[in-house]
Amino acid sequence: MKLGESQQRLWRMEELIHSLPVMNHDTMRFLFRHLRRVIENRDKNRMSSQSMAIVFGPTLLRPEVETGSMALYMAHQNQIVDFILNNFKQLFPEGQDWAESR
């Protein structure tokens, strides 16, 4: 998230996601696809991408070593989850068989 340009962040996030083992990648895609569906109904459930990031950021992204400011960790976790949710279609293209492309 510290990369200045949005396109650089997108490329780096794609790199990280595609470096995951197949099962982790598929689980991540399934979970974030579901969260996107919830967001699509935000007019009924009031769950925006930012709300979802606040709820799921600390659960999905835990620091390896918890030193420093917990508030800073939470801010970064929320930014990352929000970024993935808002760029889901680019990070997980439909019709792409990820396991075969490895």
PDB file of N, CA and C in Angstrom:
ATOM      1  N   MET A   1       0.818  -1.189   0.000  1.00  0.00           N
ATOM      2  CA  MET A   1       0.000   0.000   0.000  1.00  0.00           C
ATOM      3  C   MET A   1       0.863   1.256   0.000  1.00  0.00           C
ATOM      4  N   LYS A   2       2.131   1.093   0.321  1.00  0.00           N
ATOM      5  CA  LYS A   2       3.017   2.253   0.353  1.00  0.00           C
ATOM      6  C   LYS A   2       3.468   2.685  -1.033  1.00  0.00           C
ATOM      7  N   LEU A   3       3.248   1.841  -2.035  1.00  0.00           N
ATOM      8  CA  LEU A   3       3.607   2.225  -3.397  1.00  0.00           C
ATOM      9  C   LEU A   3       2.743   3.404  -3.816  1.00  0.00           C
ATOM     10  N   GLY A   4       3.362   4.393  -4.388  1.00  0.00           N
ATOM     11  CA  GLY A   4       2.665   5.628  -4.699  1.00  0.00           C
ATOM     12  C   GLY A   4       1.585   5.503  -5.748  1.00  0.00           C
ATOM     13  N   GLU A   5       1.863   4.839  -6.816  1.00  0.00           N
ATOM     14  CA  GLU A   5       0.948   4.787  -7.946  1.00  0.00           C
ATOM     15  C   GLU A   5      -0.006   3.596  -7.815  1.00  0.00           C
ATOM     16  N   SER A   6      -1.272   3.823  -8.104  1.00  0.00           N
ATOM     17  CA  SER A   6      -2.285   2.788  -7.985  1.00  0.00           C
ATOM     18  C   SER A   6      -1.977   1.576  -8.866  1.00  0.00           C
ATOM     19  N   GLN A   7      -1.480   1.824 -10.085  1.00  0.00           N
ATOM     20  CA  GLN A   7      -1.167   0.723 -10.997  1.00  0.00           C
ATOM     21  C   GLN A   7      -0.039  -0.141 -10.443  1.00  0.00           C
ATOM     22  N   GLN A   8       0.939   0.470  -9.792  1.00  0.00           N
ATOM     23  CA  GLN A   8       2.032  -0.294  -9.175  1.00  0.00           C
ATOM     24  C   GLN A   8       1.502  -1.167  -8.044  1.00  0.00           C
ATOM     25  N   ARG A   9       0.591  -0.606  -7.252  1.00  0.00           N
ATOM     26  CA  ARG A   9      -0.019  -1.397  -6.169  1.00  0.00           C
ATOM     27  C   ARG A   9      -0.777  -2.585  -6.738  1.00  0.00           C
ATOM     28  N   LEU A  10      -1.499  -2.345  -7.822  1.00  0.00           N
ATOM     29  CA  LEU A  10      -2.270  -3.422  -8.452  1.00  0.00           C
ATOM     30  C   LEU A  10      -1.347  -4.524  -8.952  1.00  0.00           C
ATOM     31  N   TRP A  11      -0.283  -4.150  -9.643  1.00  0.00           N
ATOM     32  CA  TRP A  11       0.674  -5.152 -10.144  1.00  0.00           C
ATOM     33  C   TRP A  11       1.309  -5.932  -8.995  1.00  0.00           C
ATOM     34  N   ARG A  12       1.695  -5.231  -7.936  1.00  0.00           N
ATOM     35  CA  ARG A  12       2.338  -5.904  -6.797  1.00  0.00           C
ATOM     36  C   ARG A  12       1.352  -6.844  -6.106  1.00  0.00           C
ATOM     37  N   MET A  13       0.111  -6.393  -5.966  1.00  0.00           N
ATOM     38  CA  MET A  13      -0.895  -7.245  -5.329  1.00  0.00           C
ATOM     39  C   MET A  13      -1.165  -8.477  -6.183  1.00  0.00           C
ATOM     40  N   GLU A  14      -1.223  -8.316  -7.509  1.00  0.00           N
ATOM     41  CA  GLU A  14      -1.382  -9.469  -8.399  1.00  0.00           C
ATOM     42  C   GLU A  14      -0.239 -10.451  -8.195  1.00  0.00           C
ATOM     43  N   GLU A  15       0.959  -9.925  -8.109  1.00  0.00           N
ATOM     44  CA  GLU A  15       2.143 -10.754  -7.897  1.00  0.00           C
ATOM     45  C   GLU A  15       2.021 -11.560  -6.605  1.00  0.00           C
ATOM     46  N   LEU A  16       1.639 -10.892  -5.535  1.00  0.00           N
ATOM     47  CA  LEU A  16       1.505 -11.558  -4.235  1.00  0.00           C
ATOM     48  C   LEU A  16       0.408 -12.614  -4.255  1.00  0.00           C
ATOM     49  N   ILE A  17      -0.726 -12.271  -4.854  1.00  0.00           N
ATOM     50  CA  ILE A  17      -1.846 -13.216  -4.908  1.00  0.00           C
ATOM     51  C   ILE A  17      -1.476 -14.433  -5.742  1.00  0.00           C
ATOM     52  N   HIS A  18      -0.797 -14.217  -6.850  1.00  0.00           N
ATOM     53  CA  HIS A  18      -0.432 -15.336  -7.717  1.00  0.00           C
ATOM     54  C   HIS A  18       0.720 -16.168  -7.157  1.00  0.00           C
ATOM     55  N   SER A  19       1.373 -15.668  -6.110  1.00  0.00           N
ATOM     56  CA  SER A  19       2.432 -16.460  -5.476  1.00  0.00           C
ATOM     57  C   SER A  19       1.872 -17.408  -4.419  1.00  0.00           C
ATOM     58  N   LEU A  20       0.591 -17.277  -4.123  1.00  0.00           N
ATOM     59  CA  LEU A  20      -0.031 -18.145  -3.120  1.00  0.00           C
ATOM     60  C   LEU A  20      -0.176 -19.571  -3.640  1.00  0.00           C
ATOM     61  N   PRO A  21      -0.155 -20.546  -2.746  1.00  0.00           N
ATOM     62  CA  PRO A  21      -0.487 -21.911  -3.158  1.00  0.00           C
ATOM     63  C   PRO A  21      -1.915 -21.936  -3.718  1.00  0.00           C
ATOM     64  N   VAL A  22      -2.187 -22.861  -4.613  1.00  0.00           N
ATOM     65  CA  VAL A  22      -3.468 -22.928  -5.316  1.00  0.00           C
ATOM     66  C   VAL A  22      -4.647 -22.913  -4.345  1.00  0.00           C
ATOM     67  N   MET A  23      -4.593 -23.714  -3.299  1.00  0.00           N
ATOM     68  CA  MET A  23      -5.722 -23.788  -2.362  1.00  0.00           C
ATOM     69  C   MET A  23      -5.947 -22.446  -1.664  1.00  0.00           C
ATOM     70  N   ASN A  24      -4.886 -21.773  -1.282  1.00  0.00           N
ATOM     71  CA  ASN A  24      -5.020 -20.468  -0.631  1.00  0.00           C
ATOM     72  C   ASN A  24      -5.580 -19.436  -1.610  1.00  0.00           C
ATOM     73  N   HIS A  25      -5.081 -19.459  -2.825  1.00  0.00           N
ATOM     74  CA  HIS A  25      -5.563 -18.545  -3.863  1.00  0.00           C
ATOM     75  C   HIS A  25      -7.051 -18.742  -4.097  1.00  0.00           C
ATOM     76  N   ASP A  26      -7.464 -19.986  -4.254  1.00  0.00           N
ATOM     77  CA  ASP A  26      -8.873 -20.281  -4.533  1.00  0.00           C
ATOM     78  C   ASP A  26      -9.768 -19.896  -3.354  1.00  0.00           C
ATOM     79  N   THR A  27      -9.300 -20.125  -2.150  1.00  0.00           N
ATOM     80  CA  THR A  27     -10.057 -19.735  -0.959  1.00  0.00           C
ATOM     81  C   THR A  27     -10.198 -18.221  -0.888  1.00  0.00           C
ATOM     82  N   MET A  28      -9.115 -17.530  -1.179  1.00  0.00           N
ATOM     83  CA  MET A  28      -9.138 -16.065  -1.165  1.00  0.00           C
ATOM     84  C   MET A  28     -10.113 -15.538  -2.222  1.00  0.00           C
ATOM     85  N   ARG A  29     -10.064 -16.096  -3.409  1.00  0.00           N
ATOM     86  CA  ARG A  29     -10.969 -15.678  -4.478  1.00  0.00           C
ATOM     87  C   ARG A  29     -12.427 -15.918  -4.073  1.00  0.00           C
ATOM     88  N   PHE A  30     -12.709 -17.081  -3.504  1.00  0.00           N
ATOM     89  CA  PHE A  30     -14.072 -17.414  -3.081  1.00  0.00           C
ATOM     90  C   PHE A  30     -14.564 -16.445  -2.013  1.00  0.00           C
ATOM     91  N   LEU A  31     -13.742 -16.193  -1.010  1.00  0.00           N
ATOM     92  CA  LEU A  31     -14.122 -15.306   0.089  1.00  0.00           C
ATOM     93  C   LEU A  31     -14.360 -13.880  -0.406  1.00  0.00           C
ATOM     94  N   PHE A  32     -13.420 -13.347  -1.188  1.00  0.00           N
ATOM     95  CA  PHE A  32     -13.558 -11.970  -1.653  1.00  0.00           C
ATOM     96  C   PHE A  32     -14.704 -11.841  -2.673  1.00  0.00           C
ATOM     97  N   ARG A  33     -14.978 -12.879  -3.429  1.00  0.00           N
ATOM     98  CA  ARG A  33     -16.133 -12.842  -4.334  1.00  0.00           C
ATOM     99  C   ARG A  33     -17.418 -12.721  -3.509  1.00  0.00           C
ATOM    100  N   HIS A  34     -17.494 -13.475  -2.430  1.00  0.00           N
ATOM    101  CA  HIS A  34     -18.662 -13.391  -1.549  1.00  0.00           C
ATOM    102  C   HIS A  34     -18.773 -11.994  -0.926  1.00  0.00           C
ATOM    103  N   LEU A  35     -17.663 -11.450  -0.452  1.00  0.00           N
ATOM    104  CA  LEU A  35     -17.694 -10.117   0.151  1.00  0.00           C
ATOM    105  C   LEU A  35     -18.121  -9.064  -0.872  1.00  0.00           C
ATOM    106  N   ARG A  36     -17.707  -9.244  -2.127  1.00  0.00           N
ATOM    107  CA  ARG A  36     -18.153  -8.321  -3.183  1.00  0.00           C
ATOM    108  C   ARG A  36     -19.671  -8.398  -3.364  1.00  0.00           C
ATOM    109  N   ARG A  37     -20.232  -9.597  -3.275  1.00  0.00           N
ATOM    110  CA  ARG A  37     -21.686  -9.735  -3.398  1.00  0.00           C
ATOM    111  C   ARG A  37     -22.400  -9.010  -2.261  1.00  0.00           C
ATOM    112  N   VAL A  38     -21.843  -9.090  -1.074  1.00  0.00           N
ATOM    113  CA  VAL A  38     -22.425  -8.369   0.063  1.00  0.00           C
ATOM    114  C   VAL A  38     -22.372  -6.865  -0.207  1.00  0.00           C
ATOM    115  N   ILE A  39     -21.245  -6.384  -0.705  1.00  0.00           N
ATOM    116  CA  ILE A  39     -21.083  -4.956  -1.001  1.00  0.00           C
ATOM    117  C   ILE A  39     -22.063  -4.504  -2.085  1.00  0.00           C
ATOM    118  N   GLU A  40     -22.331  -5.353  -3.038  1.00  0.00           N
ATOM    119  CA  GLU A  40     -23.278  -5.003  -4.108  1.00  0.00           C
ATOM    120  C   GLU A  40     -24.678  -4.726  -3.566  1.00  0.00           C
ATOM    121  N   ASN A  41     -24.956  -5.184  -2.366  1.00  0.00           N
ATOM    122  CA  ASN A  41     -26.251  -4.945  -1.716  1.00  0.00           C
ATOM    123  C   ASN A  41     -26.142  -3.919  -0.592  1.00  0.00           C
ATOM    124  N   ARG A  42     -25.175  -3.033  -0.698  1.00  0.00           N
ATOM    125  CA  ARG A  42     -24.913  -2.061   0.375  1.00  0.00           C
ATOM    126  C   ARG A  42     -26.089  -1.126   0.645  1.00  0.00           C
ATOM    127  N   ASP A  43     -26.949  -0.911  -0.338  1.00  0.00           N
ATOM    128  CA  ASP A  43     -28.114  -0.063  -0.093  1.00  0.00           C
ATOM    129  C   ASP A  43     -29.092  -0.721   0.880  1.00  0.00           C
ATOM    130  N   LYS A  44     -29.035  -2.054   0.997  1.00  0.00           N
ATOM    131  CA  LYS A  44     -29.897  -2.784   1.934  1.00  0.00           C
ATOM    132  C   LYS A  44     -29.189  -3.105   3.247  1.00  0.00           C
ATOM    133  N   ASN A  45     -27.881  -3.407   3.175  1.00  0.00           N
ATOM    134  CA  ASN A  45     -27.179  -3.870   4.367  1.00  0.00           C
ATOM    135  C   ASN A  45     -26.168  -2.863   4.927  1.00  0.00           C
ATOM    136  N   ARG A  46     -25.972  -1.745   4.244  1.00  0.00           N
ATOM    137  CA  ARG A  46     -25.054  -0.673   4.641  1.00  0.00           C
ATOM    138  C   ARG A  46     -23.608  -1.136   4.805  1.00  0.00           C
ATOM    139  N   MET A  47     -23.211  -2.139   4.034  1.00  0.00           N
ATOM    140  CA  MET A  47     -21.839  -2.649   4.093  1.00  0.00           C
ATOM    141  C   MET A  47     -21.075  -2.215   2.848  1.00  0.00           C
ATOM    142  N   SER A  48     -20.328  -1.139   2.980  1.00  0.00           N
ATOM    143  CA  SER A  48     -19.472  -0.653   1.899  1.00  0.00           C
ATOM    144  C   SER A  48     -18.156  -1.430   1.931  1.00  0.00           C
ATOM    145  N   SER A  49     -17.300  -1.186   0.972  1.00  0.00           N
ATOM    146  CA  SER A  49     -15.993  -1.854   0.983  1.00  0.00           C
ATOM    147  C   SER A  49     -15.201  -1.433   2.216  1.00  0.00           C
ATOM    148  N   GLN A  50     -15.342  -0.179   2.637  1.00  0.00           N
ATOM    149  CA  GLN A  50     -14.640   0.283   3.836  1.00  0.00           C
ATOM    150  C   GLN A  50     -15.161  -0.429   5.085  1.00  0.00           C
ATOM    151  N   SER A  51     -16.470  -0.626   5.165  1.00  0.00           N
ATOM    152  CA  SER A  51     -17.046  -1.339   6.311  1.00  0.00           C
ATOM    153  C   SER A  51     -16.564  -2.780   6.349  1.00  0.00           C
ATOM    154  N   MET A  52     -16.549  -3.416   5.179  1.00  0.00           N
ATOM    155  CA  MET A  52     -16.074  -4.799   5.103  1.00  0.00           C
ATOM    156  C   MET A  52     -14.593  -4.871   5.505  1.00  0.00           C
ATOM    157  N   ALA A  53     -13.822  -3.900   5.075  1.00  0.00           N
ATOM    158  CA  ALA A  53     -12.390  -3.876   5.404  1.00  0.00           C
ATOM    159  C   ALA A  53     -12.182  -3.734   6.906  1.00  0.00           C
ATOM    160  N   ILE A  54     -12.978  -2.899   7.547  1.00  0.00           N
ATOM    161  CA  ILE A  54     -12.871  -2.723   9.000  1.00  0.00           C
ATOM    162  C   ILE A  54     -13.203  -4.020   9.717  1.00  0.00           C
ATOM    163  N   VAL A  55     -14.220  -4.727   9.243  1.00  0.00           N
ATOM    164  CA  VAL A  55     -14.652  -5.969   9.888  1.00  0.00           C
ATOM    165  C   VAL A  55     -13.661  -7.107   9.631  1.00  0.00           C
ATOM    166  N   PHE A  56     -13.219  -7.253   8.368  1.00  0.00           N
ATOM    167  CA  PHE A  56     -12.422  -8.427   8.008  1.00  0.00           C
ATOM    168  C   PHE A  56     -10.913  -8.193   7.990  1.00  0.00           C
ATOM    169  N   GLY A  57     -10.456  -6.951   7.909  1.00  0.00           N
ATOM    170  CA  GLY A  57      -9.025  -6.665   7.853  1.00  0.00           C
ATOM    171  C   GLY A  57      -8.220  -7.319   8.967  1.00  0.00           C
ATOM    172  N   PRO A  58      -8.577  -7.075  10.233  1.00  0.00           N
ATOM    173  CA  PRO A  58      -7.798  -7.663  11.332  1.00  0.00           C
ATOM    174  C   PRO A  58      -7.861  -9.191  11.380  1.00  0.00           C
ATOM    175  N   THR A  59      -8.947  -9.775  10.875  1.00  0.00           N
ATOM    176  CA  THR A  59      -9.082 -11.234  10.885  1.00  0.00           C
ATOM    177  C   THR A  59      -8.258 -11.878   9.782  1.00  0.00           C
ATOM    178  N   LEU A  60      -8.270 -11.262   8.604  1.00  0.00           N
ATOM    179  CA  LEU A  60      -7.602 -11.860   7.444  1.00  0.00           C
ATOM    180  C   LEU A  60      -6.108 -11.581   7.395  1.00  0.00           C
ATOM    181  N   LEU A  61      -5.687 -10.450   7.909  1.00  0.00           N
ATOM    182  CA  LEU A  61      -4.287 -10.042   7.799  1.00  0.00           C
ATOM    183  C   LEU A  61      -3.712  -9.762   9.176  1.00  0.00           C
ATOM    184  N   ARG A  62      -2.964 -10.697   9.660  1.00  0.00           N
ATOM    185  CA  ARG A  62      -2.332 -10.521  10.970  1.00  0.00           C
ATOM    186  C   ARG A  62      -0.835 -10.358  10.770  1.00  0.00           C
ATOM    187  N   PRO A  63      -0.219  -9.440  11.506  1.00  0.00           N
ATOM    188  CA  PRO A  63       1.235  -9.290  11.377  1.00  0.00           C
ATOM    189  C   PRO A  63       1.949 -10.522  11.927  1.00  0.00           C
ATOM    190  N   GLU A  64       3.094 -10.850  11.324  1.00  0.00           N
ATOM    191  CA  GLU A  64       3.867 -12.004  11.804  1.00  0.00           C
ATOM    192  C   GLU A  64       4.296 -11.799  13.243  1.00  0.00           C
ATOM    193  N   VAL A  65       4.761 -10.583  13.532  1.00  0.00           N
ATOM    194  CA  VAL A  65       5.186 -10.225  14.886  1.00  0.00           C
ATOM    195  C   VAL A  65       4.438  -8.954  15.257  1.00  0.00           C
ATOM    196  N   GLU A  66       3.748  -8.994  16.372  1.00  0.00           N
ATOM    197  CA  GLU A  66       2.961  -7.830  16.777  1.00  0.00           C
ATOM    198  C   GLU A  66       3.806  -6.899  17.635  1.00  0.00           C
ATOM    199  N   THR A  67       4.526  -6.019  16.973  1.00  0.00           N
ATOM    200  CA  THR A  67       5.281  -4.975  17.649  1.00  0.00           C
ATOM    201  C   THR A  67       4.853  -3.652  17.045  1.00  0.00           C
ATOM    202  N   GLY A  68       4.915  -2.616  17.803  1.00  0.00           N
ATOM    203  CA  GLY A  68       4.532  -1.313  17.266  1.00  0.00           C
ATOM    204  C   GLY A  68       3.077  -0.998  17.523  1.00  0.00           C
ATOM    205  N   SER A  69       2.572  -0.104  16.741  1.00  0.00           N
ATOM    206  CA  SER A  69       1.229   0.434  16.938  1.00  0.00           C
ATOM    207  C   SER A  69       0.160  -0.470  16.341  1.00  0.00           C
ATOM    208  N   MET A  70      -0.741  -0.925  17.180  1.00  0.00           N
ATOM    209  CA  MET A  70      -1.855  -1.748  16.714  1.00  0.00           C
ATOM    210  C   MET A  70      -2.766  -0.937  15.799  1.00  0.00           C
ATOM    211  N   ALA A  71      -2.919   0.346  16.089  1.00  0.00           N
ATOM    212  CA  ALA A  71      -3.751   1.209  15.238  1.00  0.00           C
ATOM    213  C   ALA A  71      -3.175   1.300  13.833  1.00  0.00           C
ATOM    214  N   LEU A  72      -1.849   1.364  13.724  1.00  0.00           N
ATOM    215  CA  LEU A  72      -1.200   1.420  12.410  1.00  0.00           C
ATOM    216  C   LEU A  72      -1.415   0.110  11.654  1.00  0.00           C
ATOM    217  N   TYR A  73      -1.286  -1.030  12.355  1.00  0.00           N
ATOM    218  CA  TYR A  73      -1.549  -2.328  11.726  1.00  0.00           C
ATOM    219  C   TYR A  73      -2.973  -2.377  11.182  1.00  0.00           C
ATOM    220  N   MET A  74      -3.915  -1.942  12.003  1.00  0.00           N
ATOM    221  CA  MET A  74      -5.317  -1.997  11.592  1.00  0.00           C
ATOM    222  C   MET A  74      -5.569  -1.102  10.383  1.00  0.00           C
ATOM    223  N   ALA A  75      -4.957   0.058  10.351  1.00  0.00           N
ATOM    224  CA  ALA A  75      -5.126   0.955   9.202  1.00  0.00           C
ATOM    225  C   ALA A  75      -4.614   0.291   7.928  1.00  0.00           C
ATOM    226  N   HIS A  76      -3.430  -0.348   8.014  1.00  0.00           N
ATOM    227  CA  HIS A  76      -2.873  -1.032   6.846  1.00  0.00           C
ATOM    228  C   HIS A  76      -3.731  -2.235   6.443  1.00  0.00           C
ATOM    229  N   GLN A  77      -4.185  -2.997   7.417  1.00  0.00           N
ATOM    230  CA  GLN A  77      -5.035  -4.150   7.132  1.00  0.00           C
ATOM    231  C   GLN A  77      -6.300  -3.705   6.399  1.00  0.00           C
ATOM    232  N   ASN A  78      -6.911  -2.646   6.891  1.00  0.00           N
ATOM    233  CA  ASN A  78      -8.139  -2.142   6.280  1.00  0.00           C
ATOM    234  C   ASN A  78      -7.878  -1.654   4.866  1.00  0.00           C
ATOM    235  N   GLN A  79      -6.775  -0.950   4.652  1.00  0.00           N
ATOM    236  CA  GLN A  79      -6.440  -0.450   3.318  1.00  0.00           C
ATOM    237  C   GLN A  79      -6.243  -1.600   2.336  1.00  0.00           C
ATOM    238  N   ILE A  80      -5.581  -2.636   2.772  1.00  0.00           N
ATOM    239  CA  ILE A  80      -5.304  -3.778   1.892  1.00  0.00           C
ATOM    240  C   ILE A  80      -6.596  -4.494   1.517  1.00  0.00           C
ATOM    241  N   VAL A  81      -7.439  -4.785   2.490  1.00  0.00           N
ATOM    242  CA  VAL A  81      -8.696  -5.476   2.209  1.00  0.00           C
ATOM    243  C   VAL A  81      -9.579  -4.608   1.319  1.00  0.00           C
ATOM    244  N   ASP A  82      -9.658  -3.324   1.601  1.00  0.00           N
ATOM    245  CA  ASP A  82     -10.444  -2.405   0.773  1.00  0.00           C
ATOM    246  C   ASP A  82      -9.908  -2.383  -0.661  1.00  0.00           C
ATOM    247  N   PHE A  83      -8.597  -2.362  -0.820  1.00  0.00           N
ATOM    248  CA  PHE A  83      -7.973  -2.357  -2.143  1.00  0.00           C
ATOM    249  C   PHE A  83      -8.332  -3.629  -2.907  1.00  0.00           C
ATOM    250  N   ILE A  84      -8.244  -4.772  -2.253  1.00  0.00           N
ATOM    251  CA  ILE A  84      -8.576  -6.042  -2.917  1.00  0.00           C
ATOM    252  C   ILE A  84     -10.050  -6.060  -3.315  1.00  0.00           C
ATOM    253  N   LEU A  85     -10.915  -5.617  -2.423  1.00  0.00           N
ATOM    254  CA  LEU A  85     -12.343  -5.599  -2.735  1.00  0.00           C
ATOM    255  C   LEU A  85     -12.645  -4.685  -3.921  1.00  0.00           C
ATOM    256  N   ASN A  86     -12.016  -3.529  -3.963  1.00  0.00           N
ATOM    257  CA  ASN A  86     -12.278  -2.567  -5.035  1.00  0.00           C
ATOM    258  C   ASN A  86     -11.615  -2.937  -6.356  1.00  0.00           C
ATOM    259  N   ASN A  87     -10.645  -3.842  -6.320  1.00  0.00           N
ATOM    260  CA  ASN A  87      -9.940  -4.259  -7.530  1.00  0.00           C
ATOM    261  C   ASN A  87     -10.098  -5.748  -7.792  1.00  0.00           C
ATOM    262  N   PHE A  88     -11.163  -6.327  -7.244  1.00  0.00           N
ATOM    263  CA  PHE A  88     -11.373  -7.771  -7.327  1.00  0.00           C
ATOM    264  C   PHE A  88     -11.345  -8.286  -8.766  1.00  0.00           C
ATOM    265  N   LYS A  89     -12.027  -7.619  -9.666  1.00  0.00           N
ATOM    266  CA  LYS A  89     -12.125  -8.101 -11.055  1.00  0.00           C
ATOM    267  C   LYS A  89     -10.771  -8.116 -11.754  1.00  0.00           C
ATOM    268  N   GLN A  90      -9.904  -7.180 -11.418  1.00  0.00           N
ATOM    269  CA  GLN A  90      -8.564  -7.165 -12.009  1.00  0.00           C
ATOM    270  C   GLN A  90      -7.659  -8.203 -11.350  1.00  0.00           C
ATOM    271  N   LEU A  91      -7.835  -8.412 -10.055  1.00  0.00           N
ATOM    272  CA  LEU A  91      -6.975  -9.350  -9.327  1.00  0.00           C
ATOM    273  C   LEU A  91      -7.387 -10.805  -9.529  1.00  0.00           C
ATOM    274  N   PHE A  92      -8.669 -11.026  -9.769  1.00  0.00           N
ATOM    275  CA  PHE A  92      -9.199 -12.374  -9.965  1.00  0.00           C
ATOM    276  C   PHE A  92     -10.064 -12.394 -11.225  1.00  0.00           C
ATOM    277  N   PRO A  93      -9.453 -12.328 -12.404  1.00  0.00           N
ATOM    278  CA  PRO A  93     -10.240 -12.279 -13.644  1.00  0.00           C
ATOM    279  C   PRO A  93     -11.099 -13.527 -13.821  1.00  0.00           C
ATOM    280  N   GLU A  94     -12.324 -13.310 -14.290  1.00  0.00           N
ATOM    281  CA  GLU A  94     -13.233 -14.427 -14.569  1.00  0.00           C
ATOM    282  C   GLU A  94     -12.688 -15.248 -15.728  1.00  0.00           C
ATOM    283  N   GLY A  95     -12.893 -16.545 -15.665  1.00  0.00           N
ATOM    284  CA  GLY A  95     -12.497 -17.419 -16.754  1.00  0.00           C
ATOM    285  C   GLY A  95     -11.022 -17.789 -16.751  1.00  0.00           C
ATOM    286  N   GLN A  96     -10.253 -17.220 -15.848  1.00  0.00           N
ATOM    287  CA  GLN A  96      -8.827 -17.547 -15.794  1.00  0.00           C
ATOM    288  C   GLN A  96      -8.641 -18.754 -14.890  1.00  0.00           C
ATOM    289  N   ASP A  97      -8.088 -19.824 -15.450  1.00  0.00           N
ATOM    290  CA  ASP A  97      -7.792 -21.006 -14.645  1.00  0.00           C
ATOM    291  C   ASP A  97      -6.410 -20.799 -14.039  1.00  0.00           C
ATOM    292  N   TRP A  98      -6.403 -20.294 -12.833  1.00  0.00           N
ATOM    293  CA  TRP A  98      -5.157 -19.898 -12.188  1.00  0.00           C
ATOM    294  C   TRP A  98      -4.218 -21.083 -11.995  1.00  0.00           C
ATOM    295  N   ALA A  99      -4.734 -22.236 -11.626  1.00  0.00           N
ATOM    296  CA  ALA A  99      -3.890 -23.395 -11.352  1.00  0.00           C
ATOM    297  C   ALA A  99      -3.100 -23.805 -12.609  1.00  0.00           C
ATOM    298  N   GLU A 100      -3.731 -23.697 -13.793  1.00  0.00           N
ATOM    299  CA  GLU A 100      -3.055 -24.080 -15.024  1.00  0.00           C
ATOM    300  C   GLU A 100      -2.050 -23.029 -15.478  1.00  0.00           C
ATOM    301  N   SER A 101      -2.243 -21.774 -15.062  1.00  0.00           N
ATOM    302  CA  SER A 101      -1.343 -20.713 -15.498  1.00  0.00           C
ATOM    303  C   SER A 101      -0.061 -20.654 -14.677  1.00  0.00           C
ATOM    304  N   ARG A 102       0.047 -21.454 -13.641  1.00  0.00           N
ATOM    305  CA  ARG A 102       1.233 -21.453 -12.794  1.00  0.00           C
ATOM    306  C   ARG A 102       2.372 -22.200 -13.435  1.00  0.00           C
TER     307      ARG A 102
END
